[in-house]
């Protein structure tokens, strides 16, 4: 799921935010589209409603993990370690960026109308890579467990 820089730029110029871009790229990897899910992800933009709180790249990454291994129907079972996967992402994110909040990472507020900072693209790309790594690690762990 290596983030395609041009695709990310294209999505950003179309007005999508970090949380939406993460899910669009994740859906692309799965060969799917889900406009309703992308609409819902707008609530996480700019640290939840552009409040500057929890970064949309992080919440988008957590949602992407859920999209890949979560429970979606009554007859489905989610990955038994989904919460550990999300906690691994959160711990990595905070250690890497020094905060989980947009304002803490960017050192300024995301006032309505301001463009998303350039560094957000790097954060989205790194977060996508980490989500891919976590999914692969826990998938291998699950396969080992299944064989026992």
Protein backbone atom coordinates (compact mmCIF):
# COMPACT_ATOMS: atom_id res chain seq x y z
CA UNK A 1 0.00 0.00 0.00
CA UNK A 2 2.87 2.35 -0.75
CA UNK A 3 1.25 5.74 -1.07
CA UNK A 4 1.39 7.12 -4.58
CA UNK A 5 2.47 10.74 -4.11
CA UNK A 6 0.72 11.91 -7.27
CA UNK A 7 -2.54 10.19 -6.27
CA UNK A 8 -2.34 11.75 -2.80
CA UNK A 9 -1.71 15.19 -4.30
CA UNK A 10 -4.57 14.69 -6.74
CA UNK A 11 -6.97 13.76 -3.92
CA UNK A 12 -5.83 16.70 -1.78
CA UNK A 13 -6.39 19.14 -4.65
CA UNK A 14 -9.87 17.65 -5.08
CA UNK A 15 -10.59 18.76 -1.50
CA UNK A 16 -10.20 15.47 0.37
CA UNK A 17 -8.53 15.57 3.77
CA UNK A 18 -6.06 13.19 5.45
CA UNK A 19 -8.61 10.75 6.89
CA UNK A 20 -10.46 10.58 3.59
CA UNK A 21 -7.26 10.13 1.56
CA UNK A 22 -6.13 7.24 3.77
CA UNK A 23 -9.45 5.44 3.22
CA UNK A 24 -9.60 6.20 -0.52
CA UNK A 25 -6.11 4.77 -0.99
CA UNK A 26 -6.98 1.77 1.19
CA UNK A 27 -10.14 1.15 -0.81
CA UNK A 28 -8.10 1.48 -4.03
CA UNK A 29 -5.82 -1.30 -2.74
CA UNK A 30 -8.87 -3.48 -2.16
CA UNK A 31 -10.29 -2.62 -5.60
CA UNK A 32 -13.34 -1.02 -4.00
CA UNK A 33 -15.14 2.31 -3.85
CA UNK A 34 -17.40 3.50 -1.04
CA UNK A 35 -18.49 7.15 -1.35
CA UNK A 36 -20.66 6.93 1.78
CA UNK A 37 -17.69 5.80 3.86
CA UNK A 38 -15.58 8.63 2.42
CA UNK A 39 -18.34 11.11 3.32
CA UNK A 40 -18.38 9.77 6.87
CA UNK A 41 -14.60 10.14 7.11
CA UNK A 42 -14.98 13.91 6.60
CA UNK A 43 -16.04 14.10 10.24
CA UNK A 44 -12.47 13.18 11.18
CA UNK A 45 -10.82 15.87 9.03
CA UNK A 46 -8.44 18.29 10.66
CA UNK A 47 -8.45 16.48 13.96
CA UNK A 48 -12.20 15.80 14.14
CA UNK A 49 -14.17 18.68 12.69
CA UNK A 50 -10.99 20.76 12.17
CA UNK A 51 -10.67 21.06 15.94
CA UNK A 52 -6.96 20.27 15.79
CA UNK A 53 -7.45 17.27 18.05
CA UNK A 54 -6.73 13.65 17.06
CA UNK A 55 -5.00 13.69 13.65
CA UNK A 56 -7.07 12.50 10.69
CA UNK A 57 -4.16 10.43 9.38
CA UNK A 58 -4.18 8.47 12.65
CA UNK A 59 -7.96 8.08 12.86
CA UNK A 60 -8.05 7.25 9.15
CA UNK A 61 -5.35 4.63 9.71
CA UNK A 62 -7.33 3.10 12.57
CA UNK A 63 -10.42 3.01 10.35
CA UNK A 64 -8.42 1.42 7.54
CA UNK A 65 -7.32 -1.34 9.90
CA UNK A 66 -10.98 -1.83 10.83
CA UNK A 67 -11.97 -1.88 7.16
CA UNK A 68 -9.47 -4.66 6.52
CA UNK A 69 -9.97 -6.87 9.58
CA UNK A 70 -13.01 -5.61 11.50
CA UNK A 71 -16.44 -7.16 11.98
CA UNK A 72 -18.96 -5.92 9.41
CA UNK A 73 -21.89 -8.32 9.59
CA UNK A 74 -23.54 -10.37 12.35
CA UNK A 75 -22.03 -13.58 10.97
CA UNK A 76 -18.49 -12.16 10.64
CA UNK A 77 -15.74 -12.25 13.20
CA UNK A 78 -13.21 -9.44 13.35
CA UNK A 79 -9.53 -10.16 13.81
CA UNK A 80 -9.05 -11.17 17.46
CA UNK A 81 -6.14 -8.71 17.80
CA UNK A 82 -7.71 -5.69 16.10
CA UNK A 83 -7.39 -3.53 19.21
CA UNK A 84 -3.71 -4.45 19.58
CA UNK A 85 -3.20 -3.52 15.93
CA UNK A 86 -4.78 -0.10 16.45
CA UNK A 87 -2.84 0.43 19.67
CA UNK A 88 0.40 -0.42 17.81
CA UNK A 89 -0.52 2.23 15.25
CA UNK A 90 -1.28 4.82 17.94
CA UNK A 91 1.96 4.13 19.82
CA UNK A 92 4.03 4.33 16.62
CA UNK A 93 2.22 7.52 15.55
CA UNK A 94 2.79 9.32 18.84
CA UNK A 95 6.44 8.22 19.05
CA UNK A 96 7.06 9.26 15.44
CA UNK A 97 5.25 12.61 15.46
CA UNK A 98 5.48 13.59 19.14
CA UNK A 99 1.71 13.93 19.45
CA UNK A 100 -1.52 12.43 18.18
CA UNK A 101 -3.15 15.85 17.80
CA UNK A 102 -2.92 17.99 14.65
CA UNK A 103 -2.13 21.11 16.65
CA UNK A 104 0.63 19.30 18.56
CA UNK A 105 2.19 18.01 15.35
CA UNK A 106 1.81 21.20 13.30
CA UNK A 107 2.39 23.75 16.11
CA UNK A 108 -0.56 25.83 14.91
CA UNK A 109 -4.32 25.61 14.60
CA UNK A 110 -6.23 24.44 11.55
CA UNK A 111 -8.59 27.37 11.20
CA UNK A 112 -11.46 26.95 8.76
CA UNK A 113 -10.35 27.90 5.27
CA UNK A 114 -6.63 27.27 5.79
CA UNK A 115 -5.03 24.80 3.39
CA UNK A 116 -3.71 21.56 4.78
CA UNK A 117 0.02 21.86 5.46
CA UNK A 118 2.48 20.15 3.12
CA UNK A 119 3.84 17.99 5.95
CA UNK A 120 0.44 16.30 6.18
CA UNK A 121 1.20 14.44 2.95
CA UNK A 122 4.29 12.91 4.53
CA UNK A 123 2.29 11.95 7.60
CA UNK A 124 -0.43 10.30 5.47
CA UNK A 125 2.18 8.40 3.46
CA UNK A 126 4.05 7.19 6.55
CA UNK A 127 0.79 6.21 8.26
CA UNK A 128 -0.36 4.20 5.23
CA UNK A 129 2.96 2.36 5.23
CA UNK A 130 2.67 1.62 8.93
CA UNK A 131 -0.90 0.33 8.53
CA UNK A 132 0.33 -1.97 5.76
CA UNK A 133 3.15 -3.21 8.00
CA UNK A 134 0.79 -3.84 10.93
CA UNK A 135 -1.73 -5.69 8.74
CA UNK A 136 1.04 -7.87 7.29
CA UNK A 137 2.55 -8.61 10.71
CA UNK A 138 -0.73 -9.62 12.30
CA UNK A 139 -1.77 -11.56 9.20
CA UNK A 140 1.42 -13.63 9.47
CA UNK A 141 0.81 -14.03 13.23
CA UNK A 142 -2.75 -15.21 12.51
CA UNK A 143 -1.53 -17.69 9.88
CA UNK A 144 0.95 -19.15 12.38
CA UNK A 145 -1.84 -19.51 14.94
CA UNK A 146 -4.14 -21.20 12.40
CA UNK A 147 -1.54 -23.87 11.68
CA UNK A 148 -1.06 -24.82 15.33
